[in-house]
Protein backbone atom coordinates (compact mmCIF):
# COMPACT_ATOMS: atom_id res chain seq x y z
CA MET A 1 5.45 9.63 47.31
CA LYS A 2 7.93 11.94 45.63
CA ILE A 3 10.64 10.27 43.57
CA PRO A 4 13.71 12.48 43.04
CA LYS A 5 15.13 13.28 39.62
CA GLY A 6 17.47 10.61 38.39
CA SER A 7 15.73 7.78 40.28
CA PHE A 8 13.89 4.81 38.85
CA GLY A 9 10.18 5.60 38.35
CA TYR A 10 10.65 9.37 38.10
CA LEU A 11 8.82 9.70 34.75
CA LYS A 12 5.81 7.70 35.91
CA ASN A 13 5.68 9.65 39.16
CA GLN A 14 5.82 13.00 37.34
CA ARG A 15 3.07 11.96 34.92
CA MET A 16 0.79 11.08 37.82
CA LYS A 17 1.66 14.31 39.65
CA TYR A 18 0.91 16.44 36.60
CA LEU A 19 -2.32 14.57 35.86
CA THR A 20 -3.51 15.01 39.44
CA ASN A 21 -2.64 18.73 39.39
CA ILE A 22 -4.42 19.16 36.05
CA ILE A 23 -7.62 17.51 37.31
CA VAL A 24 -7.65 19.41 40.62
CA PHE A 25 -6.83 22.87 39.27
CA LEU A 26 -9.04 22.52 36.20
CA SER A 27 -11.94 21.50 38.43
CA ILE A 28 -11.32 24.45 40.76
CA SER A 29 -11.05 26.87 37.80
CA ILE A 30 -14.30 25.64 36.29
CA LEU A 31 -16.05 25.75 39.67
CA ILE A 32 -14.90 29.32 40.37
CA PHE A 33 -15.93 30.41 36.88
CA LEU A 34 -19.39 28.84 37.27
CA ILE A 35 -19.89 30.40 40.71
CA GLY A 36 -19.03 33.82 39.30
CA PHE A 37 -21.16 33.25 36.21
CA ILE A 38 -24.22 32.23 38.22
CA THR A 39 -23.84 34.88 40.97
CA SER A 40 -23.42 37.72 38.48
CA ASP A 41 -26.63 36.97 36.58
CA TYR A 42 -24.94 34.91 33.85
CA ASP A 43 -22.37 37.56 32.99
CA ASN A 44 -18.77 36.38 32.62
CA GLY A 45 -17.31 39.87 33.13
CA ASN A 46 -16.55 39.53 36.85
CA TYR A 47 -13.69 38.95 39.28
CA PHE A 48 -14.42 35.24 39.51
CA THR A 49 -13.62 34.88 35.81
CA ILE A 50 -10.25 36.60 36.35
CA VAL A 51 -9.42 34.29 39.26
CA ALA A 52 -10.49 31.24 37.21
CA ILE A 53 -8.24 32.31 34.32
CA LEU A 54 -5.29 32.93 36.66
CA LEU A 55 -5.75 29.47 38.17
CA PHE A 56 -5.78 27.97 34.69
CA LEU A 57 -2.29 29.35 33.84
CA PRO A 58 -0.35 26.80 35.94
CA THR A 59 -2.77 24.14 34.70
CA ALA A 60 -1.76 24.94 31.12
CA LEU A 61 1.91 24.46 32.07
CA TRP A 62 1.11 21.09 33.66
CA ILE A 63 -0.83 20.04 30.56
CA VAL A 64 2.20 20.78 28.36
CA ARG A 65 4.54 18.92 30.73
CA TYR A 66 2.15 15.98 30.95
CA ILE A 67 2.09 15.73 27.14
CA ILE A 68 5.90 15.79 27.06
CA PHE A 69 6.24 13.16 29.80
CA ALA A 70 3.53 10.97 28.24
CA LYS A 71 5.68 10.55 25.10
CA TYR A 72 8.36 8.67 27.03
CA LYS A 73 8.07 5.40 28.89
CA GLY A 74 10.46 4.67 31.70
CA PRO A 75 12.94 1.82 31.37
CA ASP A 76 12.00 -1.74 32.17
CA LYS A 77 12.51 -2.65 35.85
CA ALA A 78 14.34 -5.87 34.93
CA LYS A 79 16.87 -3.95 32.80
CA TYR A 80 17.32 -1.42 35.59
CA LEU A 81 18.03 -4.18 38.13
CA ILE A 82 20.60 -5.80 35.80
CA LEU A 83 22.42 -2.49 35.34
CA GLU A 84 22.18 -1.68 39.04
CA ALA A 85 23.73 -5.07 39.88
CA ALA A 86 26.63 -4.36 37.51
CA ILE A 87 27.19 -0.96 39.14
CA LYS A 88 27.13 -2.29 42.70
CA GLU A 89 30.51 -3.83 41.96
CA LYS A 90 31.88 -0.31 41.43
CA ALA A 91 32.53 1.75 44.57
CA HIS A 92 32.75 5.16 42.86
CA THR A 93 30.14 4.85 40.14
CA GLY A 94 26.50 5.93 40.18
CA ILE A 95 23.46 5.56 37.95
CA LEU A 96 20.86 8.12 36.96
CA VAL A 97 17.57 6.95 35.46
CA ASP A 98 14.67 8.57 33.56
CA LEU A 99 16.38 11.79 32.49
CA LEU A 100 14.56 14.20 30.17
CA LEU A 101 17.12 16.84 29.28
CA THR A 102 16.03 20.06 27.59
CA ASN A 103 17.80 22.75 25.62
CA ASN A 104 17.02 25.08 22.71
CA LYS A 105 17.32 22.18 20.23
CA GLY A 106 14.73 19.98 21.88
CA ILE A 107 14.40 17.18 24.38
CA GLN A 108 16.81 14.29 24.88
CA TYR A 109 15.51 11.26 26.76
CA LEU A 110 18.12 9.13 28.50
CA PRO A 111 16.80 6.02 30.27
CA PHE A 112 20.17 5.24 31.92
CA VAL A 113 23.27 7.33 32.60
CA VAL A 114 26.23 5.78 34.42
CA VAL A 115 28.48 8.39 36.06
CA ASN A 116 32.06 8.01 37.26
CA GLU A 117 33.96 11.26 37.85
CA ASN A 118 33.93 13.00 34.44
CA ARG A 119 32.89 9.92 32.47
CA LEU A 120 29.33 9.27 31.32
CA LEU A 121 28.11 6.01 29.84
CA VAL A 122 24.71 6.72 28.31
CA TYR A 123 22.00 4.38 27.10
CA THR A 124 19.42 5.81 24.75
CA ASN A 125 16.66 3.53 23.57
CA ASP A 126 14.95 5.96 21.25
CA LYS A 127 12.39 4.00 19.21
CA GLN A 128 13.72 5.62 16.06
CA LEU A 129 17.14 4.05 16.66
CA ALA A 130 15.72 0.61 15.95
CA ASN A 131 15.01 1.54 12.33
CA LEU A 132 18.36 3.20 11.60
CA ASP A 133 21.20 1.74 9.57
CA LYS A 134 24.69 1.57 11.09
CA ASN A 135 25.83 5.01 9.83
CA ALA A 136 22.65 6.78 10.94
CA LEU A 137 22.78 5.02 14.33
CA ASP A 138 26.40 6.08 14.86
CA LYS A 139 25.49 9.66 13.93
CA SER A 140 22.55 9.67 16.36
CA LEU A 141 24.72 8.34 19.19
CA LYS A 142 27.44 10.90 18.37
CA ASN A 143 24.80 13.68 18.52
CA THR A 144 23.81 12.45 21.99
CA GLU A 145 27.45 12.52 23.10
CA ASN A 146 27.93 16.05 21.75
CA TYR A 147 24.66 17.18 23.33
CA LEU A 148 25.93 16.10 26.75
CA LYS A 149 29.42 17.53 26.25
CA ASN A 150 27.88 20.91 25.38
CA ILE A 151 26.07 21.00 28.73
CA TYR A 152 29.40 20.95 30.54
CA LYS A 153 31.51 23.19 28.29
CA PRO A 154 30.38 26.46 29.93
CA LYS A 155 31.28 25.00 33.34
CA GLY A 156 34.81 24.11 32.21
CA ILE A 157 34.33 20.37 32.73
CA GLU A 158 35.93 18.12 30.13
CA LEU A 159 33.63 15.17 29.75
CA ASN A 160 34.24 11.70 28.36
CA VAL A 161 30.87 10.50 27.00
CA ASN A 162 30.03 7.18 25.37
CA ALA A 163 26.47 6.65 24.10
CA TYR A 164 25.04 3.20 23.47
CA GLY A 165 21.95 2.09 21.61
CA ASP A 166 22.32 -1.44 22.97
CA LEU A 167 21.91 -2.02 26.71
CA GLU A 168 24.01 -5.20 26.65
CA MET A 169 26.98 -3.24 25.31
CA LEU A 170 26.54 -0.65 28.06
CA ILE A 171 26.43 -3.32 30.77
CA LYS A 172 29.53 -4.98 29.31
CA GLU A 173 31.36 -1.62 29.36
CA VAL A 174 30.23 -0.93 32.95
CA LYS A 175 31.62 -4.27 34.08
CA THR A 176 34.98 -3.78 32.37
CA PHE A 177 35.87 -0.08 32.63
CA LYS A 178 38.39 1.05 35.21
CA GLU A 179 36.76 3.56 37.50
CA THR A 180 38.54 6.47 39.13
CA GLU A 181 38.16 7.85 42.62
CA THR A 182 35.54 10.57 42.75
CA THR A 183 36.17 14.22 43.52
CA GLN A 184 33.99 17.31 43.42
CA ILE A 185 33.87 16.97 39.62
CA HIS A 186 31.74 13.81 40.04
CA ASN A 187 29.18 15.75 42.07
CA ASP A 188 29.28 18.67 39.61
CA VAL A 189 28.60 16.32 36.70
CA ILE A 190 25.56 14.82 38.45
CA TYR A 191 24.34 18.27 39.54
CA GLN A 192 24.53 19.67 36.00
CA LEU A 193 22.68 16.67 34.58
CA LEU A 194 19.88 17.02 37.10
CA LEU A 195 19.80 20.80 36.61
CA HIS A 196 19.10 20.33 32.87
CA CYS A 197 16.48 17.66 33.57
CA MET A 198 12.74 18.36 33.52
């Protein structure tokens, strides 16, 4: 079953998809290579070897993506349900889950992103955040906010981003913030987030 980007369980689903593809295509590549090797009197200079190598190229991409996805665990289902319950009270607010955003500076994992028009409330539970002092934590959260704002600058969308290292604070903010009616900007914000997601 395919789980779309931004939905709960996306990371786990992608890991399984990549692992399955790796096993299948690696097996086919090895089988084709061995068939060519045996049928050409144990000489690897044949067309079967070329086909086996060409089939290995997408496998190499899936191996890299599997390694990237394996580094991140999806959010806890109980936490997701608590946040989802808080959002159900809001008519114009949505939630995106399991986002792995990429750019030239690296990968940013965001377990939860709450979207209302041009406002993003972001939860990042990076394991390194747990060991940071207050100043370093604030700097890390500010970097996350700037990272997201920079995605939207070229599109001309002014974004209001708040990053949280504590899920309880995010849930409290979701329950208390005044949401606005959504326009096309809301859809553009979600589209751009998903576009930058692996």
